[in-house]
């Protein structure tokens, strides 16, 4: 029997771009994403600092006298925990992602970070309101960091196509 072919992978280093845009703006528009109101956030985050997760509830599907309980997929819940470097730089996440702020994250993967947004690229859009900034405890030989919860306030767009 022949060995299975391994699917091609995509390296993540240098190939993510996370941009915040104001709530109400089209977070899939090149004009907005490359414009003055968009904020580049990618390199403010620590390696574990954009922890976007999806959990799914289980709907029980019990049957009379059946020896095994069955189940079905239920609603999903998305969470987003942020962690970024503490900084006084006006363009850093520590200064732009303030408590109570609303907006949208455009998350583009698989394209070099330095590549500007272009029509036809794909990205996810997460709509949020931000909780309190929580300074993290110091670590030996470490950086000062801030943790924050982004509460997701609208259904997430997954695999959206960037337009003009």
C-alpha atoms as a PDB file:
ATOM      1  CA  UNK A   1       0.000   0.000   0.000  1.00  0.00           C
ATOM      2  CA  UNK A   2       1.324   3.460  -0.911  1.00  0.00           C
ATOM      3  CA  UNK A   3       2.074   6.028   1.757  1.00  0.00           C
ATOM      4  CA  UNK A   4      -0.514   8.813   2.019  1.00  0.00           C
ATOM      5  CA  UNK A   5       0.425  12.183   0.582  1.00  0.00           C
ATOM      6  CA  UNK A   6       0.951  14.864   3.234  1.00  0.00           C
ATOM      7  CA  UNK A   7      -1.061  18.030   2.542  1.00  0.00           C
ATOM      8  CA  UNK A   8       0.862  21.274   2.123  1.00  0.00           C
ATOM      9  CA  UNK A   9       1.090  23.434   5.226  1.00  0.00           C
ATOM     10  CA  UNK A  10       1.186  27.185   5.705  1.00  0.00           C
ATOM     11  CA  UNK A  11       3.793  28.754   7.967  1.00  0.00           C
ATOM     12  CA  UNK A  12       2.399  31.384  10.329  1.00  0.00           C
ATOM     13  CA  UNK A  13       5.618  33.317  11.075  1.00  0.00           C
ATOM     14  CA  UNK A  14       5.341  36.730   9.459  1.00  0.00           C
ATOM     15  CA  UNK A  15       2.130  35.725   7.695  1.00  0.00           C
ATOM     16  CA  UNK A  16      -0.596  37.152   9.939  1.00  0.00           C
ATOM     17  CA  UNK A  17      -1.963  40.684   9.959  1.00  0.00           C
ATOM     18  CA  UNK A  18      -4.463  41.838  12.596  1.00  0.00           C
ATOM     19  CA  UNK A  19      -5.966  45.272  12.028  1.00  0.00           C
ATOM     20  CA  UNK A  20      -8.598  47.042  14.116  1.00  0.00           C
ATOM     21  CA  UNK A  21     -11.121  49.284  12.406  1.00  0.00           C
ATOM     22  CA  UNK A  22     -13.937  51.403  13.840  1.00  0.00           C
ATOM     23  CA  UNK A  23     -17.321  49.798  14.436  1.00  0.00           C
ATOM     24  CA  UNK A  24     -19.620  50.479  11.490  1.00  0.00           C
ATOM     25  CA  UNK A  25     -16.792  50.642   8.956  1.00  0.00           C
ATOM     26  CA  UNK A  26     -16.557  47.898   6.341  1.00  0.00           C
ATOM     27  CA  UNK A  27     -13.795  45.744   7.826  1.00  0.00           C
ATOM     28  CA  UNK A  28     -13.425  43.974   4.464  1.00  0.00           C
ATOM     29  CA  UNK A  29     -12.793  47.163   2.462  1.00  0.00           C
ATOM     30  CA  UNK A  30      -9.307  47.891   1.108  1.00  0.00           C
ATOM     31  CA  UNK A  31     -10.038  51.625   1.438  1.00  0.00           C
ATOM     32  CA  UNK A  32     -10.770  51.226   5.175  1.00  0.00           C
ATOM     33  CA  UNK A  33      -8.037  48.664   5.916  1.00  0.00           C
ATOM     34  CA  UNK A  34      -5.313  50.720   4.210  1.00  0.00           C
ATOM     35  CA  UNK A  35      -6.772  54.042   5.433  1.00  0.00           C
ATOM     36  CA  UNK A  36      -6.120  56.338   8.358  1.00  0.00           C
ATOM     37  CA  UNK A  37      -8.694  54.928  10.802  1.00  0.00           C
ATOM     38  CA  UNK A  38      -7.299  51.378  10.655  1.00  0.00           C
ATOM     39  CA  UNK A  39      -4.772  50.423  13.342  1.00  0.00           C
ATOM     40  CA  UNK A  40      -2.129  47.721  12.806  1.00  0.00           C
ATOM     41  CA  UNK A  41      -2.209  45.596  15.974  1.00  0.00           C
ATOM     42  CA  UNK A  42      -0.359  42.378  15.035  1.00  0.00           C
ATOM     43  CA  UNK A  43       3.020  43.065  16.587  1.00  0.00           C
ATOM     44  CA  UNK A  44       1.619  44.537  19.811  1.00  0.00           C
ATOM     45  CA  UNK A  45       0.374  41.039  20.723  1.00  0.00           C
ATOM     46  CA  UNK A  46       2.521  38.456  22.493  1.00  0.00           C
ATOM     47  CA  UNK A  47       2.775  34.972  20.887  1.00  0.00           C
ATOM     48  CA  UNK A  48      -0.174  33.795  23.026  1.00  0.00           C
ATOM     49  CA  UNK A  49      -1.873  37.185  22.861  1.00  0.00           C
ATOM     50  CA  UNK A  50      -4.642  36.599  20.326  1.00  0.00           C
ATOM     51  CA  UNK A  51      -6.355  33.591  21.854  1.00  0.00           C
ATOM     52  CA  UNK A  52      -9.486  33.204  19.736  1.00  0.00           C
ATOM     53  CA  UNK A  53     -11.422  30.061  20.590  1.00  0.00           C
ATOM     54  CA  UNK A  54     -14.738  28.465  19.700  1.00  0.00           C
ATOM     55  CA  UNK A  55     -16.619  26.083  21.988  1.00  0.00           C
ATOM     56  CA  UNK A  56     -19.725  24.170  20.998  1.00  0.00           C
ATOM     57  CA  UNK A  57     -22.521  23.054  23.277  1.00  0.00           C
ATOM     58  CA  UNK A  58     -23.867  19.515  23.152  1.00  0.00           C
ATOM     59  CA  UNK A  59     -27.594  18.926  22.641  1.00  0.00           C
ATOM     60  CA  UNK A  60     -28.625  15.633  24.285  1.00  0.00           C
ATOM     61  CA  UNK A  61     -30.589  13.263  22.016  1.00  0.00           C
ATOM     62  CA  UNK A  62     -31.809  10.583  24.412  1.00  0.00           C
ATOM     63  CA  UNK A  63     -34.038   7.770  23.159  1.00  0.00           C
ATOM     64  CA  UNK A  64     -36.448   5.489  24.986  1.00  0.00           C
ATOM     65  CA  UNK A  65     -34.591   2.352  26.152  1.00  0.00           C
ATOM     66  CA  UNK A  66     -31.567   2.991  23.928  1.00  0.00           C
ATOM     67  CA  UNK A  67     -28.460   1.872  25.825  1.00  0.00           C
ATOM     68  CA  UNK A  68     -26.369   4.750  24.513  1.00  0.00           C
ATOM     69  CA  UNK A  69     -27.127   8.448  24.843  1.00  0.00           C
ATOM     70  CA  UNK A  70     -26.865  10.253  21.523  1.00  0.00           C
ATOM     71  CA  UNK A  71     -26.035  13.896  20.950  1.00  0.00           C
ATOM     72  CA  UNK A  72     -26.157  16.660  18.362  1.00  0.00           C
ATOM     73  CA  UNK A  73     -24.097  19.816  17.895  1.00  0.00           C
ATOM     74  CA  UNK A  74     -25.475  22.872  19.701  1.00  0.00           C
ATOM     75  CA  UNK A  75     -24.759  26.585  19.691  1.00  0.00           C
ATOM     76  CA  UNK A  76     -21.219  27.867  19.465  1.00  0.00           C
ATOM     77  CA  UNK A  77     -19.600  30.388  21.774  1.00  0.00           C
ATOM     78  CA  UNK A  78     -16.578  32.370  20.666  1.00  0.00           C
ATOM     79  CA  UNK A  79     -14.126  33.956  23.074  1.00  0.00           C
ATOM     80  CA  UNK A  80     -11.181  36.239  22.473  1.00  0.00           C
ATOM     81  CA  UNK A  81      -8.522  36.839  25.103  1.00  0.00           C
ATOM     82  CA  UNK A  82      -5.889  39.436  24.271  1.00  0.00           C
ATOM     83  CA  UNK A  83      -2.400  39.900  25.698  1.00  0.00           C
ATOM     84  CA  UNK A  84      -0.087  42.609  24.473  1.00  0.00           C
ATOM     85  CA  UNK A  85       3.037  44.494  25.474  1.00  0.00           C
ATOM     86  CA  UNK A  86       2.586  47.474  27.776  1.00  0.00           C
ATOM     87  CA  UNK A  87       3.672  50.541  25.827  1.00  0.00           C
ATOM     88  CA  UNK A  88       3.243  54.301  25.773  1.00  0.00           C
ATOM     89  CA  UNK A  89       3.547  54.336  21.965  1.00  0.00           C
ATOM     90  CA  UNK A  90       0.375  55.990  20.653  1.00  0.00           C
ATOM     91  CA  UNK A  91      -0.011  53.274  17.979  1.00  0.00           C
ATOM     92  CA  UNK A  92       0.349  50.318  20.368  1.00  0.00           C
ATOM     93  CA  UNK A  93      -2.523  48.088  21.444  1.00  0.00           C
ATOM     94  CA  UNK A  94      -2.007  49.336  25.010  1.00  0.00           C
ATOM     95  CA  UNK A  95      -3.092  52.788  23.803  1.00  0.00           C
ATOM     96  CA  UNK A  96      -5.591  51.936  21.033  1.00  0.00           C
ATOM     97  CA  UNK A  97      -7.502  49.061  22.687  1.00  0.00           C
ATOM     98  CA  UNK A  98      -8.955  50.921  25.666  1.00  0.00           C
ATOM     99  CA  UNK A  99     -11.712  49.664  27.965  1.00  0.00           C
ATOM    100  CA  UNK A 100     -15.186  50.133  26.487  1.00  0.00           C
ATOM    101  CA  UNK A 101     -13.893  50.627  22.944  1.00  0.00           C
ATOM    102  CA  UNK A 102     -15.847  48.982  20.157  1.00  0.00           C
ATOM    103  CA  UNK A 103     -14.567  47.931  16.778  1.00  0.00           C
ATOM    104  CA  UNK A 104     -13.729  45.089  14.465  1.00  0.00           C
ATOM    105  CA  UNK A 105     -10.588  43.015  14.065  1.00  0.00           C
ATOM    106  CA  UNK A 106      -9.700  42.014  10.526  1.00  0.00           C
ATOM    107  CA  UNK A 107      -7.604  38.832  10.791  1.00  0.00           C
ATOM    108  CA  UNK A 108      -5.733  37.921   7.609  1.00  0.00           C
ATOM    109  CA  UNK A 109      -3.602  34.764   7.511  1.00  0.00           C
ATOM    110  CA  UNK A 110      -1.288  33.198   4.943  1.00  0.00           C
ATOM    111  CA  UNK A 111      -0.116  36.463   3.345  1.00  0.00           C
ATOM    112  CA  UNK A 112       3.145  38.180   4.334  1.00  0.00           C
ATOM    113  CA  UNK A 113       2.457  40.806   7.008  1.00  0.00           C
ATOM    114  CA  UNK A 114       4.136  43.554   4.978  1.00  0.00           C
ATOM    115  CA  UNK A 115       1.755  42.997   2.041  1.00  0.00           C
ATOM    116  CA  UNK A 116      -0.916  45.693   2.017  1.00  0.00           C
ATOM    117  CA  UNK A 117      -4.527  44.622   1.898  1.00  0.00           C
ATOM    118  CA  UNK A 118      -5.738  43.925  -1.640  1.00  0.00           C
ATOM    119  CA  UNK A 119      -9.012  43.027  -3.332  1.00  0.00           C
ATOM    120  CA  UNK A 120      -9.597  39.267  -3.396  1.00  0.00           C
ATOM    121  CA  UNK A 121      -7.667  38.398  -0.232  1.00  0.00           C
ATOM    122  CA  UNK A 122      -9.634  36.591   2.482  1.00  0.00           C
ATOM    123  CA  UNK A 123      -9.924  37.446   6.157  1.00  0.00           C
ATOM    124  CA  UNK A 124     -12.063  36.913   9.227  1.00  0.00           C
ATOM    125  CA  UNK A 125     -13.861  39.802  10.930  1.00  0.00           C
ATOM    126  CA  UNK A 126     -14.500  39.794  14.688  1.00  0.00           C
ATOM    127  CA  UNK A 127     -16.770  42.521  16.107  1.00  0.00           C
ATOM    128  CA  UNK A 128     -16.034  43.409  19.736  1.00  0.00           C
ATOM    129  CA  UNK A 129     -16.392  45.584  22.801  1.00  0.00           C
ATOM    130  CA  UNK A 130     -13.342  45.609  25.056  1.00  0.00           C
ATOM    131  CA  UNK A 131     -13.250  44.882  28.760  1.00  0.00           C
ATOM    132  CA  UNK A 132     -10.827  46.280  31.311  1.00  0.00           C
ATOM    133  CA  UNK A 133      -7.101  46.315  30.656  1.00  0.00           C
ATOM    134  CA  UNK A 134      -5.505  44.059  33.302  1.00  0.00           C
ATOM    135  CA  UNK A 135      -1.772  44.588  33.867  1.00  0.00           C
ATOM    136  CA  UNK A 136      -0.099  41.187  34.237  1.00  0.00           C
ATOM    137  CA  UNK A 137       2.273  40.225  37.037  1.00  0.00           C
ATOM    138  CA  UNK A 138       5.930  40.832  36.197  1.00  0.00           C
ATOM    139  CA  UNK A 139       8.114  37.928  35.115  1.00  0.00           C
ATOM    140  CA  UNK A 140      11.853  37.501  35.486  1.00  0.00           C
ATOM    141  CA  UNK A 141      13.680  38.619  32.335  1.00  0.00           C
ATOM    142  CA  UNK A 142      10.290  39.428  30.830  1.00  0.00           C
ATOM    143  CA  UNK A 143       8.263  42.245  29.385  1.00  0.00           C
ATOM    144  CA  UNK A 144       5.415  44.116  31.022  1.00  0.00           C
ATOM    145  CA  UNK A 145       2.176  42.923  29.448  1.00  0.00           C
ATOM    146  CA  UNK A 146      -1.540  43.655  29.638  1.00  0.00           C
ATOM    147  CA  UNK A 147      -4.376  41.128  29.324  1.00  0.00           C
ATOM    148  CA  UNK A 148      -7.874  42.035  28.166  1.00  0.00           C
ATOM    149  CA  UNK A 149     -11.087  40.297  27.155  1.00  0.00           C
ATOM    150  CA  UNK A 150     -12.700  41.209  23.842  1.00  0.00           C
ATOM    151  CA  UNK A 151     -16.418  40.434  24.079  1.00  0.00           C
ATOM    152  CA  UNK A 152     -17.784  39.355  20.702  1.00  0.00           C
ATOM    153  CA  UNK A 153     -20.913  41.368  19.887  1.00  0.00           C
ATOM    154  CA  UNK A 154     -21.896  40.192  16.386  1.00  0.00           C
ATOM    155  CA  UNK A 155     -21.612  36.974  14.397  1.00  0.00           C
ATOM    156  CA  UNK A 156     -18.060  36.504  13.138  1.00  0.00           C
ATOM    157  CA  UNK A 157     -17.403  36.653   9.403  1.00  0.00           C
ATOM    158  CA  UNK A 158     -15.137  33.738   8.494  1.00  0.00           C
ATOM    159  CA  UNK A 159     -13.340  33.692   5.169  1.00  0.00           C
ATOM    160  CA  UNK A 160     -14.728  37.021   3.981  1.00  0.00           C
ATOM    161  CA  UNK A 161     -13.420  38.395   0.697  1.00  0.00           C
ATOM    162  CA  UNK A 162     -11.724  41.783   0.776  1.00  0.00           C
ATOM    163  CA  UNK A 163     -13.340  44.277  -1.604  1.00  0.00           C
ATOM    164  CA  UNK A 164     -12.513  47.758  -2.884  1.00  0.00           C
END
